[in-house]
Amino acid sequence: KSKLKQTKNDASLFSPNSMVKGDSECNKLSIIEISTAIEANINHLKKSIGKSNRINHEDKKCLNHLNDRVQLLKSNCRNYSDTGAIPPHQRFRFREILNKLDHISDQIRYHSSDNNYSWLSIDKFTSELQHTLKDIVNSVQK
């Protein structure tokens, strides 16, 4: 319970309402911190499912939590992009990355609600998410 309470508090720290619009440095830091939190969430999920090779109720909660963080990241990335912090020649590539993030979010939502899926499909989209996170962080740090 303490971890759930802590993650809810963490999420409120990174909510779009808590950031000053136009403060690209704040947005950049929050994007990096949310990406790190998502990475930890993925590692926890892989470790949890990997032990039993089955998805249980807690894993579904973890998938839902992962999706919430991905949504938060998308929102922060869009705000960051809208402030003009990304140069025009990189903006198109950044939006492509955000579209990939949308697709991954749909997969997470599907897997958290369906009981008929394999561990391999979860491993595939979490690996894709990890690569997308690296792309986002690299774009933001330029």
C-alpha atoms as a PDB file:
ATOM      1  CA  LYS A   1       0.000   0.000   0.000  1.00  0.00           C
ATOM      2  CA  SER A   2       2.814   2.391   0.797  1.00  0.00           C
ATOM      3  CA  LYS A   3       4.224   1.968  -2.710  1.00  0.00           C
ATOM      4  CA  LEU A   4       0.834   2.711  -4.263  1.00  0.00           C
ATOM      5  CA  LYS A   5       0.464   5.800  -2.105  1.00  0.00           C
ATOM      6  CA  GLN A   6       3.988   6.888  -3.009  1.00  0.00           C
ATOM      7  CA  THR A   7       3.400   6.445  -6.752  1.00  0.00           C
ATOM      8  CA  LYS A   8       0.173   8.439  -6.564  1.00  0.00           C
ATOM      9  CA  ASN A   9       2.138  11.231  -4.881  1.00  0.00           C
ATOM     10  CA  ASP A  10       4.855  10.919  -7.530  1.00  0.00           C
ATOM     11  CA  ALA A  11       2.249  11.256 -10.276  1.00  0.00           C
ATOM     12  CA  SER A  12       0.864  14.431  -8.752  1.00  0.00           C
ATOM     13  CA  LEU A  13       4.356  15.933  -8.787  1.00  0.00           C
ATOM     14  CA  PHE A  14       4.500  15.489 -12.542  1.00  0.00           C
ATOM     15  CA  SER A  15       0.972  16.478 -13.443  1.00  0.00           C
ATOM     16  CA  PRO A  16       0.631  19.093 -16.155  1.00  0.00           C
ATOM     17  CA  ASN A  17      -1.118  21.393 -13.658  1.00  0.00           C
ATOM     18  CA  SER A  18       1.958  21.459 -11.436  1.00  0.00           C
ATOM     19  CA  MET A  19       4.214  22.843 -14.158  1.00  0.00           C
ATOM     20  CA  VAL A  20       4.454  26.367 -15.383  1.00  0.00           C
ATOM     21  CA  LYS A  21       3.568  26.464 -19.074  1.00  0.00           C
ATOM     22  CA  GLY A  22       6.557  27.617 -21.061  1.00  0.00           C
ATOM     23  CA  ASP A  23       9.099  26.484 -18.498  1.00  0.00           C
ATOM     24  CA  SER A  24      10.910  24.096 -20.824  1.00  0.00           C
ATOM     25  CA  GLU A  25      13.613  23.192 -18.299  1.00  0.00           C
ATOM     26  CA  CYS A  26      10.952  22.075 -15.803  1.00  0.00           C
ATOM     27  CA  ASN A  27       9.188  20.114 -18.541  1.00  0.00           C
ATOM     28  CA  LYS A  28      12.468  18.539 -19.628  1.00  0.00           C
ATOM     29  CA  LEU A  29      13.258  17.382 -16.098  1.00  0.00           C
ATOM     30  CA  SER A  30       9.762  16.016 -15.548  1.00  0.00           C
ATOM     31  CA  ILE A  31       9.926  14.094 -18.849  1.00  0.00           C
ATOM     32  CA  ILE A  32      13.214  12.520 -17.799  1.00  0.00           C
ATOM     33  CA  GLU A  33      11.900  11.684 -14.312  1.00  0.00           C
ATOM     34  CA  ILE A  34       8.664  10.173 -15.652  1.00  0.00           C
ATOM     35  CA  SER A  35      10.686   8.143 -18.173  1.00  0.00           C
ATOM     36  CA  THR A  36      12.817   6.811 -15.328  1.00  0.00           C
ATOM     37  CA  ALA A  37       9.698   5.900 -13.342  1.00  0.00           C
ATOM     38  CA  ILE A  38       8.227   4.101 -16.368  1.00  0.00           C
ATOM     39  CA  GLU A  39      11.481   2.188 -16.822  1.00  0.00           C
ATOM     40  CA  ALA A  40      11.312   1.053 -13.184  1.00  0.00           C
ATOM     41  CA  ASN A  41       7.665   0.075 -13.698  1.00  0.00           C
ATOM     42  CA  ILE A  42       8.620  -2.028 -16.744  1.00  0.00           C
ATOM     43  CA  ASN A  43      11.442  -3.757 -14.879  1.00  0.00           C
ATOM     44  CA  HIS A  44       9.112  -4.575 -11.991  1.00  0.00           C
ATOM     45  CA  LEU A  45       6.489  -5.934 -14.385  1.00  0.00           C
ATOM     46  CA  LYS A  46       9.004  -8.087 -16.273  1.00  0.00           C
ATOM     47  CA  LYS A  47      10.418  -9.466 -13.042  1.00  0.00           C
ATOM     48  CA  SER A  48       6.955 -10.195 -11.651  1.00  0.00           C
ATOM     49  CA  ILE A  49       5.628 -11.931 -14.739  1.00  0.00           C
ATOM     50  CA  GLY A  50       8.943 -13.616 -15.519  1.00  0.00           C
ATOM     51  CA  LYS A  51       8.897 -15.560 -12.252  1.00  0.00           C
ATOM     52  CA  SER A  52       5.611 -17.313 -12.939  1.00  0.00           C
ATOM     53  CA  ASN A  53       5.209 -16.716 -16.673  1.00  0.00           C
ATOM     54  CA  ARG A  54       1.574 -15.909 -15.839  1.00  0.00           C
ATOM     55  CA  ILE A  55      -0.292 -12.665 -15.468  1.00  0.00           C
ATOM     56  CA  ASN A  56      -2.173 -12.197 -12.217  1.00  0.00           C
ATOM     57  CA  HIS A  57      -4.370  -9.458 -10.781  1.00  0.00           C
ATOM     58  CA  GLU A  58      -1.385  -7.500  -9.424  1.00  0.00           C
ATOM     59  CA  ASP A  59       0.276  -7.586 -12.836  1.00  0.00           C
ATOM     60  CA  LYS A  60      -2.872  -6.149 -14.395  1.00  0.00           C
ATOM     61  CA  LYS A  61      -2.789  -3.349 -11.816  1.00  0.00           C
ATOM     62  CA  CYS A  62       0.835  -2.779 -12.727  1.00  0.00           C
ATOM     63  CA  LEU A  63      -0.134  -2.569 -16.419  1.00  0.00           C
ATOM     64  CA  ASN A  64      -2.827  -0.019 -15.592  1.00  0.00           C
ATOM     65  CA  HIS A  65      -0.344   1.987 -13.555  1.00  0.00           C
ATOM     66  CA  LEU A  66       2.146   1.779 -16.418  1.00  0.00           C
ATOM     67  CA  ASN A  67      -0.495   3.091 -18.793  1.00  0.00           C
ATOM     68  CA  ASP A  68      -1.268   5.999 -16.442  1.00  0.00           C
ATOM     69  CA  ARG A  69       2.398   6.976 -16.430  1.00  0.00           C
ATOM     70  CA  VAL A  70       2.634   6.676 -20.213  1.00  0.00           C
ATOM     71  CA  GLN A  71      -0.383   8.995 -20.512  1.00  0.00           C
ATOM     72  CA  LEU A  72       1.289  11.450 -18.156  1.00  0.00           C
ATOM     73  CA  LEU A  73       4.491  11.281 -20.199  1.00  0.00           C
ATOM     74  CA  LYS A  74       2.566  11.916 -23.425  1.00  0.00           C
ATOM     75  CA  SER A  75       0.902  14.950 -21.894  1.00  0.00           C
ATOM     76  CA  ASN A  76       4.203  16.369 -20.673  1.00  0.00           C
ATOM     77  CA  CYS A  77       5.877  15.700 -24.017  1.00  0.00           C
ATOM     78  CA  ARG A  78       3.086  17.463 -25.877  1.00  0.00           C
ATOM     79  CA  ASN A  79       3.357  20.446 -23.522  1.00  0.00           C
ATOM     80  CA  TYR A  80       7.119  20.458 -24.019  1.00  0.00           C
ATOM     81  CA  SER A  81       6.712  20.371 -27.789  1.00  0.00           C
ATOM     82  CA  ASP A  82       4.042  23.092 -27.752  1.00  0.00           C
ATOM     83  CA  THR A  83       6.295  25.494 -25.836  1.00  0.00           C
ATOM     84  CA  GLY A  84       8.674  25.548 -28.800  1.00  0.00           C
ATOM     85  CA  ALA A  85      11.451  23.873 -26.835  1.00  0.00           C
ATOM     86  CA  ILE A  86      12.015  21.461 -29.719  1.00  0.00           C
ATOM     87  CA  PRO A  87      13.574  23.008 -32.821  1.00  0.00           C
ATOM     88  CA  PRO A  88      11.275  22.960 -35.864  1.00  0.00           C
ATOM     89  CA  HIS A  89      13.457  20.516 -37.794  1.00  0.00           C
ATOM     90  CA  GLN A  90      13.228  17.983 -34.918  1.00  0.00           C
ATOM     91  CA  ARG A  91       9.564  18.537 -34.106  1.00  0.00           C
ATOM     92  CA  PHE A  92       8.300  16.162 -36.821  1.00  0.00           C
ATOM     93  CA  ARG A  93      10.509  13.334 -35.530  1.00  0.00           C
ATOM     94  CA  PHE A  94       9.391  14.051 -31.954  1.00  0.00           C
ATOM     95  CA  ARG A  95       5.738  13.824 -32.991  1.00  0.00           C
ATOM     96  CA  GLU A  96       6.445  10.492 -34.705  1.00  0.00           C
ATOM     97  CA  ILE A  97       7.858   9.235 -31.411  1.00  0.00           C
ATOM     98  CA  LEU A  98       4.720  10.440 -29.593  1.00  0.00           C
ATOM     99  CA  ASN A  99       2.579   8.564 -32.130  1.00  0.00           C
ATOM    100  CA  LYS A 100       4.547   5.407 -31.291  1.00  0.00           C
ATOM    101  CA  LEU A 101       3.845   6.124 -27.645  1.00  0.00           C
ATOM    102  CA  ASP A 102       0.112   6.332 -28.459  1.00  0.00           C
ATOM    103  CA  HIS A 103       0.266   2.927 -30.131  1.00  0.00           C
ATOM    104  CA  ILE A 104       2.095   1.396 -27.166  1.00  0.00           C
ATOM    105  CA  SER A 105      -0.442   2.917 -24.794  1.00  0.00           C
ATOM    106  CA  ASP A 106      -3.219   1.196 -26.746  1.00  0.00           C
ATOM    107  CA  GLN A 107      -1.370  -2.114 -26.413  1.00  0.00           C
ATOM    108  CA  ILE A 108      -0.953  -1.657 -22.665  1.00  0.00           C
ATOM    109  CA  ARG A 109      -4.639  -0.872 -22.272  1.00  0.00           C
ATOM    110  CA  TYR A 110      -5.575  -3.947 -24.322  1.00  0.00           C
ATOM    111  CA  HIS A 111      -3.301  -6.250 -22.345  1.00  0.00           C
ATOM    112  CA  SER A 112      -4.513  -4.952 -18.998  1.00  0.00           C
ATOM    113  CA  SER A 113      -8.120  -5.770 -19.893  1.00  0.00           C
ATOM    114  CA  ASP A 114      -7.727  -9.051 -21.791  1.00  0.00           C
ATOM    115  CA  ASN A 115      -6.919 -12.430 -20.275  1.00  0.00           C
ATOM    116  CA  ASN A 116      -5.884 -14.136 -23.511  1.00  0.00           C
ATOM    117  CA  TYR A 117      -2.406 -12.905 -24.275  1.00  0.00           C
ATOM    118  CA  SER A 118       1.077 -14.243 -24.011  1.00  0.00           C
ATOM    119  CA  TRP A 119       4.055 -13.116 -22.023  1.00  0.00           C
ATOM    120  CA  LEU A 120       5.883 -12.684 -25.342  1.00  0.00           C
ATOM    121  CA  SER A 121       3.459 -10.008 -26.504  1.00  0.00           C
ATOM    122  CA  ILE A 122       3.940  -8.099 -23.240  1.00  0.00           C
ATOM    123  CA  ASP A 123       7.698  -8.477 -23.544  1.00  0.00           C
ATOM    124  CA  LYS A 124       7.524  -7.139 -27.098  1.00  0.00           C
ATOM    125  CA  PHE A 125       5.584  -3.965 -26.292  1.00  0.00           C
ATOM    126  CA  THR A 126       7.569  -3.271 -23.121  1.00  0.00           C
ATOM    127  CA  SER A 127      10.797  -3.543 -25.123  1.00  0.00           C
ATOM    128  CA  GLU A 128       9.314  -1.218 -27.730  1.00  0.00           C
ATOM    129  CA  LEU A 129       8.345   1.169 -24.931  1.00  0.00           C
ATOM    130  CA  GLN A 130      11.886   1.113 -23.555  1.00  0.00           C
ATOM    131  CA  HIS A 131      13.292   2.049 -26.981  1.00  0.00           C
ATOM    132  CA  THR A 132      10.704   4.804 -27.346  1.00  0.00           C
ATOM    133  CA  LEU A 133      11.611   6.182 -23.907  1.00  0.00           C
ATOM    134  CA  LYS A 134      15.262   6.357 -24.972  1.00  0.00           C
ATOM    135  CA  ASP A 135      14.247   8.216 -28.140  1.00  0.00           C
ATOM    136  CA  ILE A 136      12.187  10.696 -26.105  1.00  0.00           C
ATOM    137  CA  VAL A 137      14.930  11.339 -23.567  1.00  0.00           C
ATOM    138  CA  ASN A 138      17.523  11.739 -26.330  1.00  0.00           C
ATOM    139  CA  SER A 139      15.284  14.233 -28.157  1.00  0.00           C
ATOM    140  CA  VAL A 140      14.660  16.234 -24.997  1.00  0.00           C
ATOM    141  CA  GLN A 141      18.324  16.320 -23.988  1.00  0.00           C
ATOM    142  CA  LYS A 142      19.507  17.728 -27.341  1.00  0.00           C
END
